[in-house]
Each structure stands twice: as C-alpha cells, then as structure tokens.
Amino acid sequence: MENPVTKLPHKLILDERNRLNLTGATEVIHFDDDAVELNTSLGTLVILGEQLRLKCLSLDDGALVIQGRITSMSYEEPKKHRGFFR
C-alpha cells in the first residue's frame, strides 16, 4: 500500500557544477562542507563536493539550493532487511 502523502516532484538542475537546484527533498539527513545526504521523493541522494553551503531550504515545498563545488551525486539503494538466517 502506498503512502497517502502526495509524492513531491523530483528534479535536479546543476549549473556549472557550482549551484544545484533540487525539488522533491523531504529530509536533510547530514550536511557539512564536503557532503550532503538527504531523502527525496525518489530515494536517498548523496551529494559530495567542496565548500558546500545550503542557500535555500524549504521542506514544505521540497526545494533546496546548494552552492559550492559539486563533485558527485548518487542515489543509494534502499537497504533490504534480512532475517537472522538470510
């Protein structure tokens, strides 16, 4: 059964590897100068870089703007829970 909450549209716009505009953010898990980890409507997104700064954050709208030198972006696959005997 799907979550009754409406799924936020998810879009990434990277401008010159220095500014990332993102929609669909639901939670910021971790943030520092070198990494941002956040939940989006389509999964966990990890952004790596240098001198990263959050310029705009609105979880009501799911909007996020990150500035700094962005070196990589990747989605993590959800971890499958295994039983004791696998």
C-alpha atoms as a PDB file:
ATOM      1  CA  MET A   1       0.000   0.000   0.000  1.00  0.00           C
ATOM      2  CA  GLU A   2       1.376   3.394  -0.981  1.00  0.00           C
ATOM      3  CA  ASN A   3       1.853   6.285   1.390  1.00  0.00           C
ATOM      4  CA  PRO A   4      -1.208   8.557   1.245  1.00  0.00           C
ATOM      5  CA  VAL A   5       1.017  11.658   1.226  1.00  0.00           C
ATOM      6  CA  THR A   6       1.277  13.148  -2.251  1.00  0.00           C
ATOM      7  CA  LYS A   7       4.668  12.435  -3.819  1.00  0.00           C
ATOM      8  CA  LEU A   8       6.681  15.601  -4.422  1.00  0.00           C
ATOM      9  CA  PRO A   9       8.017  16.065  -7.969  1.00  0.00           C
ATOM     10  CA  HIS A  10      11.780  15.447  -8.044  1.00  0.00           C
ATOM     11  CA  LYS A  11      14.065  17.478 -10.282  1.00  0.00           C
ATOM     12  CA  LEU A  12      17.788  18.311 -10.230  1.00  0.00           C
ATOM     13  CA  ILE A  13      19.290  21.269 -12.074  1.00  0.00           C
ATOM     14  CA  LEU A  14      23.076  21.584 -11.846  1.00  0.00           C
ATOM     15  CA  ASP A  15      24.513  24.886 -13.066  1.00  0.00           C
ATOM     16  CA  GLU A  16      28.261  24.920 -13.835  1.00  0.00           C
ATOM     17  CA  ARG A  17      28.879  22.379 -11.011  1.00  0.00           C
ATOM     18  CA  ASN A  18      28.597  25.311  -8.601  1.00  0.00           C
ATOM     19  CA  ARG A  19      24.867  25.567  -7.920  1.00  0.00           C
ATOM     20  CA  LEU A  20      22.341  22.753  -7.517  1.00  0.00           C
ATOM     21  CA  ASN A  21      18.608  23.471  -7.521  1.00  0.00           C
ATOM     22  CA  LEU A  22      16.638  20.497  -6.298  1.00  0.00           C
ATOM     23  CA  THR A  23      12.968  19.759  -5.748  1.00  0.00           C
ATOM     24  CA  GLY A  24      11.444  16.764  -4.008  1.00  0.00           C
ATOM     25  CA  ALA A  25      13.566  16.963  -0.824  1.00  0.00           C
ATOM     26  CA  THR A  26      11.796  15.514   2.206  1.00  0.00           C
ATOM     27  CA  GLU A  27      14.552  15.459   4.873  1.00  0.00           C
ATOM     28  CA  VAL A  28      18.188  16.536   5.241  1.00  0.00           C
ATOM     29  CA  ILE A  29      19.978  13.651   6.966  1.00  0.00           C
ATOM     30  CA  HIS A  30      23.530  15.057   7.059  1.00  0.00           C
ATOM     31  CA  PHE A  31      25.221  18.258   5.960  1.00  0.00           C
ATOM     32  CA  ASP A  32      28.786  19.580   6.152  1.00  0.00           C
ATOM     33  CA  ASP A  33      31.289  21.345   3.860  1.00  0.00           C
ATOM     34  CA  ASP A  34      32.042  18.152   1.919  1.00  0.00           C
ATOM     35  CA  ALA A  35      28.791  16.188   1.792  1.00  0.00           C
ATOM     36  CA  VAL A  36      25.017  16.483   1.855  1.00  0.00           C
ATOM     37  CA  GLU A  37      22.816  13.435   2.377  1.00  0.00           C
ATOM     38  CA  LEU A  38      19.089  13.842   2.005  1.00  0.00           C
ATOM     39  CA  ASN A  39      15.913  11.914   1.452  1.00  0.00           C
ATOM     40  CA  THR A  40      13.977  12.776  -1.664  1.00  0.00           C
ATOM     41  CA  SER A  41      10.678  11.603  -3.048  1.00  0.00           C
ATOM     42  CA  LEU A  42      12.699   9.113  -5.160  1.00  0.00           C
ATOM     43  CA  GLY A  43      15.216   7.882  -2.561  1.00  0.00           C
ATOM     44  CA  THR A  44      18.320   8.908  -0.630  1.00  0.00           C
ATOM     45  CA  LEU A  45      20.620  11.277  -2.520  1.00  0.00           C
ATOM     46  CA  VAL A  46      24.270  11.837  -1.565  1.00  0.00           C
ATOM     47  CA  ILE A  47      25.991  14.966  -2.894  1.00  0.00           C
ATOM     48  CA  LEU A  48      29.767  15.296  -2.496  1.00  0.00           C
ATOM     49  CA  GLY A  49      31.866  18.378  -3.061  1.00  0.00           C
ATOM     50  CA  GLU A  50      33.893  21.181  -1.528  1.00  0.00           C
ATOM     51  CA  GLN A  51      32.765  24.254   0.396  1.00  0.00           C
ATOM     52  CA  LEU A  52      29.111  23.214   0.141  1.00  0.00           C
ATOM     53  CA  ARG A  53      26.564  25.671   1.525  1.00  0.00           C
ATOM     54  CA  LEU A  54      22.783  25.423   1.852  1.00  0.00           C
ATOM     55  CA  LYS A  55      21.447  28.629   0.325  1.00  0.00           C
ATOM     56  CA  CYS A  56      17.754  27.800   0.417  1.00  0.00           C
ATOM     57  CA  LEU A  57      15.814  25.086   2.197  1.00  0.00           C
ATOM     58  CA  SER A  58      12.048  24.707   2.205  1.00  0.00           C
ATOM     59  CA  LEU A  59      10.899  21.231   3.168  1.00  0.00           C
ATOM     60  CA  ASP A  60       7.275  22.377   2.873  1.00  0.00           C
ATOM     61  CA  ASP A  61       7.862  22.775  -0.886  1.00  0.00           C
ATOM     62  CA  GLY A  62      10.700  20.238  -1.091  1.00  0.00           C
ATOM     63  CA  ALA A  63      13.017  22.915  -2.527  1.00  0.00           C
ATOM     64  CA  LEU A  64      16.745  23.038  -1.815  1.00  0.00           C
ATOM     65  CA  VAL A  65      19.619  25.091  -3.259  1.00  0.00           C
ATOM     66  CA  ILE A  66      23.231  24.085  -2.650  1.00  0.00           C
ATOM     67  CA  GLN A  67      26.237  26.181  -3.670  1.00  0.00           C
ATOM     68  CA  GLY A  68      29.879  25.124  -3.771  1.00  0.00           C
ATOM     69  CA  ARG A  69      31.971  22.839  -5.964  1.00  0.00           C
ATOM     70  CA  ILE A  70      29.895  19.712  -6.588  1.00  0.00           C
ATOM     71  CA  THR A  71      31.990  16.677  -7.492  1.00  0.00           C
ATOM     72  CA  SER A  72      29.409  13.871  -7.459  1.00  0.00           C
ATOM     73  CA  MET A  73      25.775  12.978  -6.888  1.00  0.00           C
ATOM     74  CA  SER A  74      24.484   9.460  -6.339  1.00  0.00           C
ATOM     75  CA  TYR A  75      21.366   7.686  -5.153  1.00  0.00           C
ATOM     76  CA  GLU A  76      21.634   4.979  -2.529  1.00  0.00           C
ATOM     77  CA  GLU A  77      19.565   1.873  -2.955  1.00  0.00           C
ATOM     78  CA  PRO A  78      17.292   1.086  -0.018  1.00  0.00           C
ATOM     79  CA  LYS A  79      18.837  -1.470   2.309  1.00  0.00           C
ATOM     80  CA  LYS A  80      16.995  -4.764   2.372  1.00  0.00           C
ATOM     81  CA  HIS A  81      16.407  -6.154   5.816  1.00  0.00           C
ATOM     82  CA  ARG A  82      17.408  -9.769   6.096  1.00  0.00           C
ATOM     83  CA  GLY A  83      16.402 -12.331   8.624  1.00  0.00           C
ATOM     84  CA  PHE A  84      18.815 -13.960  11.010  1.00  0.00           C
ATOM     85  CA  PHE A  85      19.352 -16.949   8.694  1.00  0.00           C
ATOM     86  CA  ARG A  86      19.461 -14.864   5.467  1.00  0.00           C
END
